[in-house]
Protein backbone atom coordinates (compact mmCIF):
# COMPACT_ATOMS: atom_id res chain seq x y z
CA MET A 1 19.41 88.31 123.17
CA GLN A 2 20.37 85.63 125.76
CA ILE A 3 19.18 82.11 124.84
CA LEU A 4 18.45 79.92 127.83
CA SER A 5 17.56 76.18 127.99
CA GLU A 6 14.12 75.34 128.92
CA ASN A 7 15.61 74.00 132.46
CA ALA A 8 17.74 77.17 133.00
CA LYS A 9 16.59 79.32 135.81
CA PRO A 10 16.68 82.95 135.88
CA TYR A 11 19.80 84.60 137.59
CA GLU A 12 19.06 85.48 141.25
CA GLN A 13 20.39 88.84 141.89
CA ALA A 14 21.70 89.62 145.73
CA THR A 15 19.38 91.72 147.74
CA PHE A 16 21.68 92.29 150.89
CA PRO A 17 25.69 92.74 151.34
CA GLY A 18 27.51 89.41 151.60
CA GLN A 19 24.93 87.41 150.16
CA LYS A 20 26.97 86.57 147.07
CA VAL A 21 30.52 87.66 146.51
CA GLN A 22 31.83 86.64 143.15
CA ILE A 23 35.80 85.51 143.04
CA ASP A 24 37.80 85.35 139.94
CA VAL A 25 41.55 85.30 138.81
CA LYS A 26 43.01 87.07 136.04
CA VAL A 27 46.64 87.06 134.76
CA VAL A 28 48.17 90.43 135.17
CA PRO A 29 49.39 91.85 131.85
CA SER A 30 53.23 92.53 132.24
CA VAL A 31 52.65 96.13 131.33
CA CYS A 32 51.18 96.67 134.72
CA ILE A 33 53.59 94.88 136.53
CA VAL A 34 56.16 97.33 138.10
CA GLY A 35 59.02 97.44 140.69
CA GLN A 36 60.93 94.52 141.81
CA ALA A 37 58.18 91.84 140.40
CA LYS A 38 58.77 93.63 136.86
CA GLU A 39 62.57 93.60 137.09
CA GLN A 40 62.54 89.84 138.05
CA GLY A 41 60.25 88.96 135.40
CA GLU A 42 57.76 87.69 137.46
CA LYS A 43 54.27 86.28 136.39
CA MET A 44 51.42 87.77 138.47
CA TYR A 45 47.80 86.80 139.09
CA GLN A 46 45.01 89.18 140.32
CA TYR A 47 42.52 87.75 142.55
CA THR A 48 39.10 89.91 142.91
CA ALA A 49 36.45 89.92 144.75
CA ILE A 50 33.18 91.68 144.27
CA ASP A 51 29.92 91.83 146.28
CA GLU A 52 27.25 91.51 144.01
CA CYS A 53 24.72 93.51 146.07
CA THR A 54 27.14 96.70 146.92
CA ARG A 55 29.85 96.21 144.33
CA PHE A 56 32.35 96.47 147.21
CA ARG A 57 35.63 95.07 145.76
CA PHE A 58 38.53 93.61 147.17
CA ILE A 59 41.68 92.85 144.63
CA ALA A 60 45.14 91.17 145.78
CA ALA A 61 47.89 90.17 143.56
CA PHE A 62 49.51 86.56 143.96
CA LYS A 63 52.73 84.97 142.41
CA GLU A 64 50.66 81.89 141.61
CA GLN A 65 47.23 80.73 140.53
CA SER A 66 46.63 77.85 142.77
CA THR A 67 44.32 76.53 145.21
CA TYR A 68 46.54 77.47 147.86
CA SER A 69 46.75 81.24 146.63
CA SER A 70 42.74 80.85 146.50
CA MET A 71 42.69 80.30 150.07
CA ARG A 72 44.96 82.82 151.12
CA PHE A 73 42.98 85.35 149.24
CA LEU A 74 39.66 84.12 150.82
CA GLN A 75 41.35 84.64 154.44
CA GLN A 76 42.39 88.28 153.38
CA LEU A 77 38.81 88.80 152.08
CA ILE A 78 37.23 87.91 155.03
CA ARG A 79 39.66 89.97 157.11
CA ARG A 80 39.08 93.12 154.81
CA PHE A 81 35.13 92.83 153.84
CA PRO A 82 32.80 95.12 156.04
CA PHE A 83 30.26 92.45 156.17
CA LYS A 84 29.63 88.96 156.87
CA ILE A 85 30.10 86.76 153.50
CA HIS A 86 27.26 84.10 153.10
CA LYS A 87 28.02 82.91 149.50
CA VAL A 88 31.00 82.70 147.22
CA GLN A 89 30.66 82.15 143.41
CA THR A 90 33.52 81.21 141.45
CA ASP A 91 34.26 79.68 137.86
CA ASN A 92 35.22 75.78 137.87
CA GLY A 93 38.92 76.56 137.49
CA ALA A 94 41.31 74.21 139.36
CA GLU A 95 42.27 77.02 141.48
CA PHE A 96 38.96 76.79 143.17
CA THR A 97 37.44 73.42 142.83
CA LYS A 98 38.06 69.69 141.67
CA ARG A 99 34.39 69.37 140.90
CA PHE A 100 35.42 67.47 137.68
CA GLN A 101 38.04 65.40 139.04
CA ALA A 102 36.30 64.00 142.22
CA ALA A 103 33.28 64.92 144.37
CA ASP A 104 34.00 63.42 147.68
CA GLU A 105 34.78 65.06 150.59
CA GLU A 106 38.42 64.13 150.74
CA ASN A 107 39.43 65.47 147.46
CA LEU A 108 38.20 69.32 148.30
CA THR A 109 40.65 71.69 147.30
CA LEU A 110 42.57 73.99 149.99
CA PHE A 111 40.08 76.79 149.09
CA GLU A 112 36.88 74.40 149.40
CA LYS A 113 38.10 73.29 152.73
CA GLU A 114 38.52 77.05 153.88
CA LEU A 115 35.18 77.94 152.70
CA LYS A 116 33.68 74.95 154.51
CA ARG A 117 35.71 75.52 157.74
CA LEU A 118 34.11 79.34 157.46
CA GLY A 119 30.70 78.22 156.93
CA ILE A 120 30.31 80.07 153.52
CA ALA A 121 28.38 78.18 150.84
CA HIS A 122 30.43 77.72 147.50
CA GLN A 123 28.55 78.04 144.04
CA MET A 124 30.17 77.33 140.92
CA MET A 125 28.96 78.82 137.65
CA ILE A 126 27.59 76.42 135.12
CA SER A 127 29.33 78.02 131.93
CA ILE A 128 32.67 79.41 131.39
CA VAL A 129 31.37 82.75 130.50
CA SER A 130 28.97 84.45 132.46
CA PRO A 131 27.61 87.89 132.21
CA PRO A 132 27.37 88.76 135.77
CA LEU A 133 31.29 88.20 136.16
CA SER A 134 31.68 91.22 133.83
CA VAL A 135 31.16 93.31 137.02
CA LEU A 136 34.75 92.12 138.14
CA TRP A 137 36.67 93.72 135.42
CA CYS A 138 34.78 97.30 134.78
CA CYS A 139 36.07 99.16 137.11
CA PRO A 140 37.40 102.31 135.99
CA ALA A 141 40.43 102.51 138.41
CA HIS A 142 41.16 98.85 137.85
CA ASP A 143 44.55 99.21 136.37
CA PHE A 144 45.40 101.83 138.72
CA LEU A 145 44.93 99.85 141.68
CA LEU A 146 46.33 96.74 140.30
CA ALA A 147 49.86 98.89 139.58
CA VAL A 148 49.69 100.18 142.97
CA LEU A 149 49.18 96.58 144.40
CA VAL A 150 51.99 95.11 142.29
CA GLY A 151 54.26 97.92 142.61
CA ALA A 152 53.85 98.52 146.44
CA GLY A 153 55.15 95.16 146.85
CA SER A 154 52.13 93.98 148.79
CA LEU A 155 52.15 90.65 147.16
CA SER A 156 50.97 87.62 148.55
CA ALA A 157 52.79 84.14 147.61
């Protein structure tokens, strides 16, 4: 049973491709890292984007979890998604926003600046845990895809 405050709005599901794409970052478990990255003991971060309407996914691995990596992921995402992205939804992590530090235009992160340059709306979740983001981690092929990405040397810095 989900308890909502009296001011809470019902969650609006996307009705067309690209209407809302959810993005999140996850630390890659060391058992999933293979090849040169494993030999060098590198820590890896998996960026995942999923279109809420079609469930189309894009996954990429990076060596750091930062606003720069988030911006680069967004650029790769735009090139690879088969449709225009209208809105991106993220959590309030520092790799995406400085929402709780400053709210002015000069303090946007690289990720936020890239969204603005591309004309893509940015929606941040209110809570840290949100049921809709669970779709990011429910892919049965998830670990296989990740091992392939990390093992194939398709890492981005």
